[in-house]
């Protein structure tokens, strides 16, 4: 893989991510690293925070603690 390919690769990283609402923590101290081309599944019962996690990963919902970093394209 050439240097130019590496620069355009999309990477997603969560570091110590947490989201809290008034009723309590939805998730806390979550760490994740994914790269372009990988496939991941998020599984859980209704109301367990799957959509909240995805919205937080994309920057559409502010995390209570930690951070979400997207690099590349």
C-alpha atoms as a PDB file:
ATOM      1  CA  UNK A   1       0.000   0.000   0.000  1.00  0.00           C
ATOM      2  CA  UNK A   2       1.441   3.359  -1.033  1.00  0.00           C
ATOM      3  CA  UNK A   3       1.641   6.466   1.105  1.00  0.00           C
ATOM      4  CA  UNK A   4      -1.175   8.111  -0.842  1.00  0.00           C
ATOM      5  CA  UNK A   5      -3.510   5.147  -0.162  1.00  0.00           C
ATOM      6  CA  UNK A   6      -2.729   5.318   3.544  1.00  0.00           C
ATOM      7  CA  UNK A   7      -3.634   9.020   3.763  1.00  0.00           C
ATOM      8  CA  UNK A   8      -7.080   8.506   2.189  1.00  0.00           C
ATOM      9  CA  UNK A   9      -7.968   5.592   4.477  1.00  0.00           C
ATOM     10  CA  UNK A  10     -10.772   6.306   6.942  1.00  0.00           C
ATOM     11  CA  UNK A  11     -10.160   5.438  10.586  1.00  0.00           C
ATOM     12  CA  UNK A  12     -12.529   5.715  13.522  1.00  0.00           C
ATOM     13  CA  UNK A  13     -11.435   5.701  17.127  1.00  0.00           C
ATOM     14  CA  UNK A  14     -13.286   6.034  20.418  1.00  0.00           C
ATOM     15  CA  UNK A  15     -11.200   6.685  23.509  1.00  0.00           C
ATOM     16  CA  UNK A  16     -12.763   6.429  26.951  1.00  0.00           C
ATOM     17  CA  UNK A  17     -16.145   7.320  25.450  1.00  0.00           C
ATOM     18  CA  UNK A  18     -19.159   7.658  27.688  1.00  0.00           C
ATOM     19  CA  UNK A  19     -22.674   9.023  27.412  1.00  0.00           C
ATOM     20  CA  UNK A  20     -24.900   9.838  30.350  1.00  0.00           C
ATOM     21  CA  UNK A  21     -28.480  11.028  30.455  1.00  0.00           C
ATOM     22  CA  UNK A  22     -30.460  12.065  33.540  1.00  0.00           C
ATOM     23  CA  UNK A  23     -31.356   8.440  34.351  1.00  0.00           C
ATOM     24  CA  UNK A  24     -27.758   7.219  34.248  1.00  0.00           C
ATOM     25  CA  UNK A  25     -24.949   6.029  32.015  1.00  0.00           C
ATOM     26  CA  UNK A  26     -25.829   4.537  28.630  1.00  0.00           C
ATOM     27  CA  UNK A  27     -22.218   3.429  28.097  1.00  0.00           C
ATOM     28  CA  UNK A  28     -18.948   4.335  29.774  1.00  0.00           C
ATOM     29  CA  UNK A  29     -15.198   3.906  29.210  1.00  0.00           C
ATOM     30  CA  UNK A  30     -15.723   2.514  25.717  1.00  0.00           C
ATOM     31  CA  UNK A  31     -12.652   2.076  23.494  1.00  0.00           C
ATOM     32  CA  UNK A  32     -12.874   1.148  19.823  1.00  0.00           C
ATOM     33  CA  UNK A  33     -10.665   1.381  16.752  1.00  0.00           C
ATOM     34  CA  UNK A  34     -11.898   0.588  13.244  1.00  0.00           C
ATOM     35  CA  UNK A  35     -10.483   1.065   9.765  1.00  0.00           C
ATOM     36  CA  UNK A  36     -11.962   1.490   6.317  1.00  0.00           C
ATOM     37  CA  UNK A  37     -13.239  -1.794   4.893  1.00  0.00           C
ATOM     38  CA  UNK A  38     -13.845  -3.453   8.260  1.00  0.00           C
ATOM     39  CA  UNK A  39     -17.357  -4.508   9.196  1.00  0.00           C
ATOM     40  CA  UNK A  40     -18.636  -4.470  12.736  1.00  0.00           C
ATOM     41  CA  UNK A  41     -21.999  -5.231  14.301  1.00  0.00           C
ATOM     42  CA  UNK A  42     -23.564  -3.539  17.292  1.00  0.00           C
ATOM     43  CA  UNK A  43     -25.969  -5.876  19.004  1.00  0.00           C
ATOM     44  CA  UNK A  44     -28.257  -5.387  21.972  1.00  0.00           C
ATOM     45  CA  UNK A  45     -31.865  -5.221  23.105  1.00  0.00           C
ATOM     46  CA  UNK A  46     -34.173  -2.286  22.421  1.00  0.00           C
ATOM     47  CA  UNK A  47     -33.214   0.746  24.477  1.00  0.00           C
ATOM     48  CA  UNK A  48     -29.670  -0.430  25.230  1.00  0.00           C
ATOM     49  CA  UNK A  49     -27.936   2.541  23.542  1.00  0.00           C
ATOM     50  CA  UNK A  50     -27.054   1.281  20.049  1.00  0.00           C
ATOM     51  CA  UNK A  51     -28.377   4.367  18.250  1.00  0.00           C
ATOM     52  CA  UNK A  52     -26.882   6.654  20.890  1.00  0.00           C
ATOM     53  CA  UNK A  53     -23.500   5.015  20.333  1.00  0.00           C
ATOM     54  CA  UNK A  54     -23.690   5.389  16.542  1.00  0.00           C
ATOM     55  CA  UNK A  55     -24.795   9.016  16.780  1.00  0.00           C
ATOM     56  CA  UNK A  56     -21.935   9.713  19.181  1.00  0.00           C
ATOM     57  CA  UNK A  57     -19.401   7.975  16.935  1.00  0.00           C
ATOM     58  CA  UNK A  58     -20.492  10.153  14.016  1.00  0.00           C
ATOM     59  CA  UNK A  59     -20.321  13.367  16.017  1.00  0.00           C
ATOM     60  CA  UNK A  60     -24.079  14.001  15.892  1.00  0.00           C
ATOM     61  CA  UNK A  61     -24.476  13.591  19.653  1.00  0.00           C
ATOM     62  CA  UNK A  62     -21.976  14.982  22.142  1.00  0.00           C
ATOM     63  CA  UNK A  63     -20.260  12.476  24.409  1.00  0.00           C
ATOM     64  CA  UNK A  64     -20.329  13.098  28.160  1.00  0.00           C
ATOM     65  CA  UNK A  65     -16.727  11.921  28.488  1.00  0.00           C
ATOM     66  CA  UNK A  66     -13.941  10.730  26.212  1.00  0.00           C
ATOM     67  CA  UNK A  67     -13.747  11.377  22.506  1.00  0.00           C
ATOM     68  CA  UNK A  68     -14.514  10.205  18.997  1.00  0.00           C
ATOM     69  CA  UNK A  69     -11.869  10.736  16.308  1.00  0.00           C
ATOM     70  CA  UNK A  70     -12.441  10.251  12.573  1.00  0.00           C
ATOM     71  CA  UNK A  71      -9.499  10.626  10.187  1.00  0.00           C
ATOM     72  CA  UNK A  72      -9.161  10.206   6.431  1.00  0.00           C
ATOM     73  CA  UNK A  73     -11.546  11.028   3.593  1.00  0.00           C
END
